[in-house]
Amino acid sequence: MIWTLIRHELLTNLMTFRFLVTLISCLLLVLAGSIVLTDNYERRLASYSAAVQEHQERTARAETYSDFTPFLDRAPNPLSLFNQGLDKRAGNSIQIRLGEVPFLWADTYRSTGFNNPFRHLLADIDLISIFQILSSLLALVFAYDAIVGDRENGTLRLTLVNPLRRGLIILSKYLGAMLCLTLPLLMSFLLALLLQLQSHAIDYGTDDLVRIGGIFLTTVIYTSTFYLIGLLISSMIHRTATSLIVSMFIWVVLTLIYPNVSLFLVNRFMDTSERMEQAHQHIEQLVERFYREEEKLQNPFGHLGRGWHGGYTHRSKTITSIPVESEPDVPAVKAYFKTLTALQMNTAKAIWRIREQAFSETYIRKSRTARNALRFSPTGLYQLSTAAWAGTDIARMEDFFNAGRQYRETLLDYFYDKKAFTSRQWFASDKAAIRWENVPRFSYHPPSVFEEGNNRALPDLGLLFLLNPVLFMTAFCVFCRREI
């Protein structure tokens, strides 16, 4: 009997005009969005490739160890076409300096590849934004008259004449409608994948396809959540028009008002300016102390040649030739740099400790509060989960900077092994060229979705999934207690 009811609901929904509108809307919006997003991704990838080549050439031109300040470049994430998250906003290049530990909120070099004059029009649009609005709205359109419509036209009374449990009726309506809603979603995802794979710039691997599958699953559960919200409203209200109005009001609140208002309130009432100002003042004191300590060191190389440049974070001197009469001063110059670089690295560690604590107490805390606030809305859970699936959340960005900090430590260890800080080649290039091919290379591999403890999408996806049985049981209880 249950299959007969499901087939009836499925055929009834498939033959409606709203299903046709749902199918056409999904396909057209995904088609337009995929074309624009793929074009922007190709531009970003081209800009990334150009930046990598430029940075490699610049690094290869370094003549001394002190001039070696390589750039670490992060390739744009192709899954940002689904959920952009922070992929285009966070820094995608890190310059390794002796006097600075890389951190996410630094003023980093960026190469987003945005040369499109219309980029502001669609800069924040992604496929998840389309599904977030469209699938939730269409789910409510399918659900608002599921119960109250049958009650008004007498179909529900005729159905209950048969020996059917009300639980089977509401379950069949849910399953039939979800099959109709899942079909356009599946076709839209397949269309998006087909269009993206036509691009020479996109090559999805197994891990990416699993993540896309996770995004699709999250989208289906998100759509189911809004359908059950509409089904609950339809079970509680006696008039179809009233049910539609209430459903649209709930949709506006959950998808548009609450996520934006909650983030605004978090930014409004969590003032971090005072704490950050304290951190900046403390850092300035450390930098001033560094300069005072530097002044105490006698500068023994001023007459060796010109070429000294840099500030606190980066100081180098490239001397192409040292006069014979100045050779006795070279040991003093080596001793000077040995002391200066040690002072510089100690200052960098002290500044990093201050920054790490300050950002943990400000931005990280604010970000965690904002995430918790978003979890009270299905839309917020959907955004958080899909960003984690796509790898465009703040945790993935921090992974890249953690890798950058580890590489900096590896590079410093390499310099220590080479005795670079006390060598002539730290400041002069007159004796022998440095072979940079032996320097440790940086490689960043994003964590796999299969790695244990790495899938950050599951907690939010679990919360979104748990909403479904709660809403279904509530709608069932209301439906059972209502008079027909």
Protein backbone atom coordinates (compact mmCIF):
# COMPACT_ATOMS: atom_id res chain seq x y z
CA MET A 1 0.00 0.00 0.00
CA ILE A 2 2.81 2.41 0.84
CA TRP A 3 4.30 2.00 -2.63
CA THR A 4 0.94 2.70 -4.22
CA LEU A 5 0.64 5.92 -2.24
CA ILE A 6 4.21 6.96 -3.08
CA ARG A 7 3.64 6.27 -6.77
CA HIS A 8 0.42 8.30 -6.66
CA GLU A 9 2.14 11.27 -4.99
CA LEU A 10 5.10 11.01 -7.36
CA LEU A 11 2.97 11.00 -10.48
CA THR A 12 0.77 13.78 -9.13
CA ASN A 13 3.79 16.01 -8.49
CA LEU A 14 5.48 15.16 -11.78
CA MET A 15 2.41 16.22 -13.75
CA THR A 16 2.17 19.64 -12.10
CA PHE A 17 3.31 22.93 -13.56
CA ARG A 18 5.45 23.65 -10.50
CA PHE A 19 7.61 20.59 -11.22
CA LEU A 20 8.25 21.89 -14.73
CA VAL A 21 9.14 25.31 -13.29
CA THR A 22 11.44 23.63 -10.75
CA LEU A 23 13.27 21.65 -13.41
CA ILE A 24 13.69 24.56 -15.82
CA SER A 25 14.73 27.00 -13.05
CA CYS A 26 17.36 24.66 -11.65
CA LEU A 27 18.89 23.84 -15.02
CA LEU A 28 18.95 27.42 -16.32
CA LEU A 29 20.39 28.94 -13.14
CA VAL A 30 23.01 26.22 -12.81
CA LEU A 31 23.88 26.58 -16.49
CA ALA A 32 24.38 30.36 -16.22
CA GLY A 33 26.18 30.14 -12.90
CA SER A 34 28.53 27.37 -14.04
CA ILE A 35 29.57 29.28 -17.16
CA VAL A 36 30.42 32.45 -15.20
CA LEU A 37 32.10 30.61 -12.32
CA THR A 38 34.18 28.40 -14.61
CA ASP A 39 35.38 31.44 -16.54
CA ASN A 40 36.39 33.18 -13.30
CA TYR A 41 38.18 30.05 -12.10
CA GLU A 42 40.16 29.82 -15.35
CA ARG A 43 41.24 33.44 -14.88
CA ARG A 44 42.30 32.77 -11.30
CA LEU A 45 44.23 29.67 -12.35
CA ALA A 46 46.01 31.56 -15.14
CA SER A 47 46.93 34.30 -12.68
CA TYR A 48 48.18 31.68 -10.22
CA SER A 49 50.38 30.04 -12.89
CA ALA A 50 51.84 33.43 -13.84
CA ALA A 51 52.51 34.24 -10.19
CA VAL A 52 54.25 30.90 -9.63
CA GLN A 53 56.53 31.44 -12.63
CA GLU A 54 57.34 35.00 -11.57
CA HIS A 55 58.10 33.94 -8.00
CA GLN A 56 60.31 31.07 -9.16
CA GLU A 57 62.31 33.37 -11.43
CA ARG A 58 62.64 35.92 -8.66
CA THR A 59 63.85 33.29 -6.19
CA ALA A 60 66.36 31.93 -8.70
CA ARG A 61 67.88 35.41 -9.08
CA ALA A 62 68.80 35.58 -5.38
CA GLU A 63 72.58 35.93 -5.11
CA THR A 64 72.98 35.55 -1.34
CA TYR A 65 71.29 33.58 1.40
CA SER A 66 69.81 36.77 2.87
CA ASP A 67 68.16 37.52 -0.48
CA PHE A 68 66.39 34.16 -0.50
CA THR A 69 62.77 34.98 0.44
CA PRO A 70 60.66 32.49 -1.52
CA PHE A 71 56.96 32.75 -2.19
CA LEU A 72 54.61 29.87 -1.37
CA ASP A 73 51.64 29.85 -3.72
CA ARG A 74 48.30 28.16 -3.12
CA ALA A 75 46.43 27.01 -6.19
CA PRO A 76 42.77 28.02 -6.44
CA ASN A 77 40.39 25.31 -5.30
CA PRO A 78 38.18 24.02 -8.16
CA LEU A 79 35.49 23.11 -5.61
CA SER A 80 35.14 26.82 -4.90
CA LEU A 81 32.79 26.79 -7.89
CA PHE A 82 30.33 25.07 -5.56
CA ASN A 83 31.07 27.07 -2.41
CA GLN A 84 33.51 29.96 -2.66
CA GLY A 85 33.89 30.43 1.08
CA LEU A 86 37.22 32.10 1.80
CA ASP A 87 39.05 30.71 -1.21
CA LYS A 88 39.23 34.06 -3.03
CA ARG A 89 39.37 36.27 0.05
CA ALA A 90 42.20 34.69 2.00
CA GLY A 91 45.79 35.20 0.93
CA ASN A 92 46.98 32.72 -1.66
CA SER A 93 50.69 33.59 -1.50
CA ILE A 94 53.06 33.64 1.44
CA GLN A 95 56.50 35.22 1.35
CA ILE A 96 58.90 33.52 3.73
CA ARG A 97 60.90 36.08 5.66
CA LEU A 98 63.45 35.64 8.38
CA GLY A 99 61.79 38.17 10.66
CA GLU A 100 58.13 37.18 10.29
CA VAL A 101 56.07 34.07 10.96
CA PRO A 102 53.32 33.74 8.32
CA PHE A 103 49.77 34.14 9.57
CA LEU A 104 46.37 34.14 7.94
CA TRP A 105 45.42 37.75 8.58
CA ALA A 106 48.61 39.28 7.21
CA ASP A 107 48.61 41.67 4.26
CA THR A 108 49.69 38.98 1.84
CA TYR A 109 50.25 39.14 -1.85
CA ARG A 110 47.19 38.11 -3.78
CA SER A 111 46.60 36.99 -7.35
CA THR A 112 42.89 36.33 -7.75
CA GLY A 113 42.85 36.88 -11.49
CA PHE A 114 39.82 39.14 -11.52
CA ASN A 115 39.98 41.15 -14.73
CA ASN A 116 36.28 40.76 -15.46
CA PRO A 117 34.54 44.19 -15.31
CA PHE A 118 31.34 42.46 -14.21
CA ARG A 119 32.98 40.59 -11.35
CA HIS A 120 31.18 42.65 -8.69
CA LEU A 121 27.87 41.47 -10.08
CA LEU A 122 28.57 37.79 -9.56
CA ALA A 123 31.62 37.91 -7.29
CA ASP A 124 29.87 36.27 -4.33
CA ILE A 125 27.57 33.95 -6.30
CA ASP A 126 28.32 30.24 -6.34
CA LEU A 127 26.33 27.10 -6.99
CA ILE A 128 25.56 26.63 -3.32
CA SER A 129 24.05 30.13 -3.19
CA ILE A 130 21.77 29.14 -6.05
CA PHE A 131 20.69 25.90 -4.40
CA GLN A 132 20.42 27.57 -1.01
CA ILE A 133 17.73 29.94 -2.27
CA LEU A 134 16.13 27.90 -5.03
CA SER A 135 15.84 24.45 -3.44
CA SER A 136 14.49 25.76 -0.13
CA LEU A 137 11.94 27.94 -1.89
CA LEU A 138 10.78 25.17 -4.21
CA ALA A 139 10.58 22.69 -1.33
CA LEU A 140 8.12 25.00 0.45
CA VAL A 141 6.17 25.47 -2.78
CA PHE A 142 5.77 21.70 -3.00
CA ALA A 143 4.84 21.33 0.67
CA TYR A 144 2.58 24.27 1.56
CA ASP A 145 -0.61 22.56 0.26
CA ALA A 146 0.40 18.92 0.77
CA ILE A 147 -2.03 18.44 3.68
CA VAL A 148 -4.19 21.54 3.76
CA GLY A 149 -4.83 21.34 0.01
CA ASP A 150 -6.15 17.79 0.27
CA ARG A 151 -8.21 18.83 3.27
CA GLU A 152 -9.81 21.73 1.40
CA ASN A 153 -10.76 19.76 -1.73
CA GLY A 154 -11.94 16.71 0.22
CA THR A 155 -9.29 14.33 -1.10
CA LEU A 156 -7.91 13.68 2.36
CA ARG A 157 -11.30 12.66 3.73
CA LEU A 158 -11.79 10.20 0.86
CA THR A 159 -8.32 8.76 1.40
CA LEU A 160 -8.96 8.16 5.09
CA VAL A 161 -12.12 6.23 4.27
CA ASN A 162 -9.74 3.43 3.33
CA PRO A 163 -8.02 1.47 6.13
CA LEU A 164 -4.88 3.61 5.98
CA ARG A 165 -2.82 4.92 8.84
CA ARG A 166 -2.14 8.60 8.86
CA GLY A 167 1.55 7.87 9.25
CA LEU A 168 1.58 6.14 5.86
CA ILE A 169 -0.16 9.09 4.25
CA ILE A 170 2.27 11.69 5.50
CA LEU A 171 5.27 9.41 4.78
CA SER A 172 4.11 8.82 1.20
CA LYS A 173 3.67 12.55 0.65
CA TYR A 174 7.17 13.19 1.95
CA LEU A 175 8.85 10.45 -0.11
CA GLY A 176 6.92 11.27 -3.30
CA ALA A 177 7.74 14.96 -3.08
CA MET A 178 11.39 14.34 -2.25
CA LEU A 179 11.79 12.09 -5.27
CA CYS A 180 10.43 14.91 -7.43
CA LEU A 181 12.71 17.49 -5.81
CA THR A 182 15.80 15.26 -5.93
CA LEU A 183 15.48 14.66 -9.66
CA PRO A 184 16.06 18.34 -10.67
CA LEU A 185 18.87 18.60 -8.10
CA LEU A 186 20.61 15.53 -9.52
CA MET A 187 20.23 16.76 -13.09
CA SER A 188 21.57 20.18 -12.07
CA PHE A 189 24.63 18.71 -10.36
CA LEU A 190 25.36 16.49 -13.35
CA LEU A 191 24.98 19.47 -15.68
CA ALA A 192 27.34 21.54 -13.54
CA LEU A 193 29.91 18.72 -13.51
CA LEU A 194 29.61 18.25 -17.27
CA LEU A 195 30.18 21.96 -17.93
CA GLN A 196 33.10 22.15 -15.51
CA LEU A 197 34.83 19.09 -16.93
CA GLN A 198 34.68 20.65 -20.39
CA SER A 199 37.20 23.20 -19.12
CA HIS A 200 40.86 22.30 -19.54
CA ALA A 201 41.57 23.95 -16.19
CA ILE A 202 39.45 21.57 -14.08
CA ASP A 203 40.48 18.00 -13.38
CA TYR A 204 38.61 16.40 -10.51
CA GLY A 205 40.18 13.47 -8.72
CA THR A 206 38.56 10.80 -6.58
CA ASP A 207 38.75 12.95 -3.45
CA ASP A 208 37.06 15.85 -5.25
CA LEU A 209 34.27 13.64 -6.57
CA VAL A 210 33.62 12.30 -3.07
CA ARG A 211 33.41 15.87 -1.79
CA ILE A 212 30.99 16.78 -4.57
CA GLY A 213 28.93 13.77 -3.57
CA GLY A 214 28.94 15.07 -0.01
CA ILE A 215 27.78 18.48 -1.22
CA PHE A 216 24.96 16.85 -3.18
CA LEU A 217 23.91 14.78 -0.15
CA THR A 218 23.92 17.91 2.01
CA THR A 219 21.80 19.71 -0.59
CA VAL A 220 19.23 16.90 -0.59
CA ILE A 221 19.04 16.91 3.21
CA TYR A 222 18.76 20.71 3.21
CA THR A 223 15.90 20.52 0.70
CA SER A 224 14.25 17.82 2.80
CA THR A 225 14.46 20.05 5.86
CA PHE A 226 12.55 22.85 4.18
CA TYR A 227 9.99 20.46 2.73
CA LEU A 228 9.29 19.11 6.21
CA ILE A 229 8.98 22.68 7.52
CA GLY A 230 6.38 23.31 4.83
CA LEU A 231 4.66 19.99 5.60
CA LEU A 232 4.44 20.94 9.27
CA ILE A 233 2.92 24.30 8.37
CA SER A 234 0.47 22.60 6.01
CA SER A 235 -0.58 20.24 8.82
CA MET A 236 -1.20 23.08 11.27
CA ILE A 237 -3.16 25.52 9.06
CA HIS A 238 -6.65 25.09 7.60
CA ARG A 239 -6.40 27.37 4.56
CA THR A 240 -4.05 27.00 1.58
CA ALA A 241 -3.50 30.74 1.11
CA THR A 242 -2.57 31.17 4.76
CA SER A 243 -0.20 28.21 4.56
CA LEU A 244 1.56 29.75 1.55
CA ILE A 245 1.95 33.12 3.28
CA VAL A 246 3.31 31.57 6.47
CA SER A 247 5.69 29.36 4.46
CA MET A 248 7.09 32.35 2.57
CA PHE A 249 7.53 34.27 5.80
CA ILE A 250 9.41 31.37 7.40
CA TRP A 251 11.55 31.06 4.27
CA VAL A 252 12.51 34.74 4.34
CA VAL A 253 13.39 34.54 8.04
CA LEU A 254 15.46 31.35 7.82
CA THR A 255 17.30 32.01 4.54
CA LEU A 256 17.68 35.79 4.39
CA ILE A 257 17.05 37.50 7.71
CA TYR A 258 18.45 35.25 10.43
CA PRO A 259 21.86 34.39 8.87
CA ASN A 260 22.63 38.03 8.07
CA VAL A 261 21.26 39.44 11.33
CA SER A 262 23.11 36.87 13.44
CA LEU A 263 26.43 37.69 11.76
CA PHE A 264 25.73 41.41 12.12
CA LEU A 265 25.04 41.03 15.84
CA VAL A 266 28.20 38.99 16.36
CA ASN A 267 30.27 41.72 14.67
CA ARG A 268 28.37 44.43 16.50
CA PHE A 269 28.62 43.15 20.05
CA MET A 270 31.94 41.32 19.93
CA ASP A 271 34.29 44.27 19.77
CA THR A 272 37.85 43.11 19.18
CA SER A 273 39.45 46.48 18.45
CA GLU A 274 40.72 47.06 21.99
CA ARG A 275 42.36 43.65 22.23
CA MET A 276 43.96 44.02 18.81
CA GLU A 277 45.20 47.50 19.68
CA GLN A 278 46.89 46.08 22.76
CA ALA A 279 48.54 43.42 20.61
CA HIS A 280 49.74 46.03 18.08
CA GLN A 281 51.22 48.16 20.84
CA HIS A 282 53.02 45.17 22.30
CA ILE A 283 54.39 44.27 18.87
CA GLU A 284 55.58 47.84 18.31
CA GLN A 285 57.43 47.70 21.62
CA LEU A 286 59.18 44.50 20.52
CA VAL A 287 60.15 46.04 17.19
CA GLU A 288 61.48 49.17 18.91
CA ARG A 289 63.48 47.00 21.28
CA PHE A 290 64.91 45.16 18.24
CA TYR A 291 66.07 48.44 16.71
CA ARG A 292 67.64 49.51 20.01
CA GLU A 293 69.51 46.23 20.24
CA GLU A 294 70.59 46.59 16.62
CA GLU A 295 72.00 50.05 17.29
CA LYS A 296 74.16 48.58 20.02
CA LEU A 297 75.83 46.34 17.45
CA GLN A 298 78.70 47.99 15.66
CA ASN A 299 78.12 48.10 11.92
CA PRO A 300 81.40 46.77 10.49
CA PHE A 301 80.44 46.48 6.82
CA GLY A 302 79.41 49.99 5.81
CA HIS A 303 82.60 50.50 3.78
CA LEU A 304 82.54 47.08 2.12
CA GLY A 305 80.06 48.05 -0.53
CA ARG A 306 76.53 49.21 -1.17
CA GLY A 307 73.41 47.16 -1.35
CA TRP A 308 71.98 47.04 2.18
CA HIS A 309 68.19 47.19 2.11
CA GLY A 310 65.15 46.11 4.07
CA GLY A 311 63.18 46.78 7.23
CA TYR A 312 62.62 44.67 10.30
CA THR A 313 61.08 41.62 8.63
CA HIS A 314 63.62 41.40 5.83
CA ARG A 315 67.20 42.66 5.78
CA SER A 316 69.77 41.72 3.21
CA LYS A 317 73.02 42.89 1.74
CA THR A 318 74.31 41.79 -1.63
CA ILE A 319 77.93 42.75 -2.17
CA THR A 320 79.28 41.79 -5.56
CA SER A 321 82.93 42.43 -4.70
CA ILE A 322 84.98 43.13 -1.60
CA PRO A 323 88.24 45.05 -1.93
CA VAL A 324 91.38 43.21 -0.93
CA GLU A 325 92.12 45.76 1.77
CA SER A 326 88.69 45.07 3.34
CA GLU A 327 89.17 41.32 3.65
CA PRO A 328 90.30 41.57 7.30
CA ASP A 329 86.84 43.01 8.12
CA VAL A 330 84.92 40.00 6.77
CA PRO A 331 85.08 37.96 10.04
CA ALA A 332 83.61 40.93 11.90
CA VAL A 333 80.80 41.16 9.34
CA LYS A 334 80.06 37.45 9.77
CA ALA A 335 79.90 37.86 13.54
CA TYR A 336 77.63 40.87 13.11
CA PHE A 337 75.15 38.95 10.96
CA LYS A 338 75.24 35.97 13.28
CA THR A 339 74.11 38.16 16.17
CA LEU A 340 71.66 40.18 14.07
CA THR A 341 69.87 37.19 12.55
CA ALA A 342 69.55 35.50 15.95
CA LEU A 343 68.03 38.69 17.33
CA GLN A 344 65.71 38.94 14.37
CA MET A 345 64.45 35.36 14.67
CA ASN A 346 63.91 35.66 18.42
CA THR A 347 61.89 38.82 17.85
CA ALA A 348 59.83 37.07 15.17
CA LYS A 349 59.00 34.24 17.59
CA ALA A 350 57.97 36.69 20.30
CA ILE A 351 55.75 38.63 17.87
CA TRP A 352 54.16 35.41 16.63
CA ARG A 353 53.26 34.36 20.19
CA ILE A 354 51.51 37.68 20.69
CA ARG A 355 49.69 37.46 17.37
CA GLU A 356 48.65 33.86 17.89
CA GLN A 357 47.15 34.60 21.29
CA ALA A 358 45.50 37.84 20.13
CA PHE A 359 43.87 36.26 17.09
CA SER A 360 42.74 33.30 19.16
CA GLU A 361 40.99 35.68 21.56
CA THR A 362 39.51 37.86 18.82
CA TYR A 363 38.98 36.61 15.28
CA ILE A 364 39.03 32.90 16.08
CA ARG A 365 36.63 33.40 18.97
CA LYS A 366 34.39 35.61 16.85
CA SER A 367 34.46 33.08 14.03
CA ARG A 368 33.51 30.27 16.41
CA THR A 369 30.65 32.36 17.85
CA ALA A 370 29.38 33.19 14.36
CA ARG A 371 29.45 29.52 13.38
CA ASN A 372 27.47 28.58 16.49
CA ALA A 373 24.93 31.31 15.74
CA LEU A 374 24.50 30.09 12.16
CA ARG A 375 23.78 26.58 13.40
CA PHE A 376 20.33 27.70 14.59
CA SER A 377 19.27 28.01 10.94
CA PRO A 378 19.13 25.23 8.32
CA THR A 379 20.65 27.70 5.86
CA GLY A 380 23.59 28.32 8.18
CA LEU A 381 24.17 24.60 8.65
CA TYR A 382 24.01 24.15 4.89
CA GLN A 383 26.60 26.86 4.26
CA LEU A 384 28.97 25.59 6.95
CA SER A 385 28.74 21.98 5.85
CA THR A 386 29.19 22.64 2.14
CA ALA A 387 32.13 24.98 2.79
CA ALA A 388 33.81 22.20 4.76
CA TRP A 389 33.07 19.68 1.99
CA ALA A 390 34.52 22.05 -0.62
CA GLY A 391 37.55 22.89 1.51
CA THR A 392 36.96 26.64 1.36
CA ASP A 393 36.34 27.21 5.07
CA ILE A 394 38.65 29.00 7.49
CA ALA A 395 40.12 25.70 8.72
CA ARG A 396 41.42 24.84 5.23
CA MET A 397 42.92 28.32 4.87
CA GLU A 398 44.68 27.91 8.20
CA ASP A 399 46.02 24.53 7.03
CA PHE A 400 47.87 26.30 4.22
CA PHE A 401 49.43 28.83 6.59
CA ASN A 402 50.37 26.05 9.02
CA ALA A 403 52.20 24.39 6.14
CA GLY A 404 53.90 27.72 5.41
CA ARG A 405 55.08 28.04 9.00
CA GLN A 406 56.41 24.48 8.94
CA TYR A 407 58.28 25.19 5.72
CA ARG A 408 59.84 28.29 7.28
CA GLU A 409 61.17 26.14 10.12
CA THR A 410 62.49 23.61 7.59
CA LEU A 411 64.24 26.37 5.68
CA LEU A 412 65.82 27.77 8.84
CA ASP A 413 67.08 24.30 9.77
CA TYR A 414 68.59 24.01 6.29
CA PHE A 415 70.36 27.37 6.74
CA TYR A 416 71.68 26.23 10.11
CA ASP A 417 73.02 23.01 8.58
CA LYS A 418 74.71 25.04 5.84
CA LYS A 419 76.04 27.50 8.43
CA ALA A 420 74.50 30.14 6.18
CA PHE A 421 74.07 32.79 8.90
CA THR A 422 77.81 32.89 9.57
CA SER A 423 79.01 32.43 6.01
CA ARG A 424 80.35 34.92 3.52
CA GLN A 425 77.54 33.98 1.14
CA TRP A 426 74.99 35.45 3.53
CA PHE A 427 75.92 38.96 2.42
CA ALA A 428 78.37 38.65 -0.51
CA SER A 429 78.22 36.96 -3.90
CA ASP A 430 81.80 37.57 -4.98
CA LYS A 431 83.23 34.10 -4.30
CA ALA A 432 80.78 31.45 -5.50
CA ALA A 433 77.21 31.15 -6.67
CA ILE A 434 74.70 29.42 -4.40
CA ARG A 435 73.08 26.25 -5.76
CA TRP A 436 69.38 26.76 -4.95
CA GLU A 437 68.35 23.38 -6.36
CA ASN A 438 69.40 21.79 -3.04
CA VAL A 439 67.10 24.00 -0.98
CA PRO A 440 64.05 22.17 0.46
CA ARG A 441 60.99 22.59 -1.75
CA PHE A 442 57.57 23.54 -0.49
CA SER A 443 54.68 21.27 -1.32
CA TYR A 444 51.17 21.67 0.03
CA HIS A 445 48.72 18.80 -0.23
CA PRO A 446 45.23 19.57 1.13
CA PRO A 447 44.03 16.95 3.59
CA SER A 448 42.02 14.14 2.06
CA VAL A 449 38.34 13.65 2.82
CA PHE A 450 39.19 10.10 3.88
CA GLU A 451 41.65 11.17 6.58
CA GLU A 452 40.42 10.39 10.06
CA GLY A 453 39.21 13.42 11.99
CA ASN A 454 39.61 15.69 9.00
CA ASN A 455 36.05 15.74 7.64
CA ARG A 456 34.78 18.93 9.23
CA ALA A 457 31.50 18.75 7.33
CA LEU A 458 30.02 15.84 9.27
CA PRO A 459 29.07 17.63 12.52
CA ASP A 460 27.03 20.31 10.73
CA LEU A 461 25.64 17.75 8.30
CA GLY A 462 24.63 15.60 11.26
CA LEU A 463 22.76 18.50 12.88
CA LEU A 464 20.99 19.25 9.61
CA PHE A 465 20.05 15.58 9.25
CA LEU A 466 18.71 15.37 12.82
CA LEU A 467 16.31 18.20 12.06
CA ASN A 468 14.50 15.97 9.57
CA PRO A 469 13.16 13.25 11.94
CA VAL A 470 12.29 15.94 14.50
CA LEU A 471 10.28 17.90 11.95
CA PHE A 472 8.71 14.76 10.51
CA MET A 473 7.58 13.48 13.91
CA THR A 474 6.22 16.91 14.83
CA ALA A 475 4.27 17.11 11.56
CA PHE A 476 3.00 13.56 12.11
CA CYS A 477 1.80 14.34 15.64
CA VAL A 478 0.05 17.52 14.50
CA PHE A 479 -1.56 15.70 11.55
CA CYS A 480 -2.83 12.88 13.78
CA ARG A 481 -4.46 15.31 16.21
CA ARG A 482 -6.14 17.46 13.55
CA GLU A 483 -9.73 16.95 12.60
CA ILE A 484 -10.32 16.31 8.90
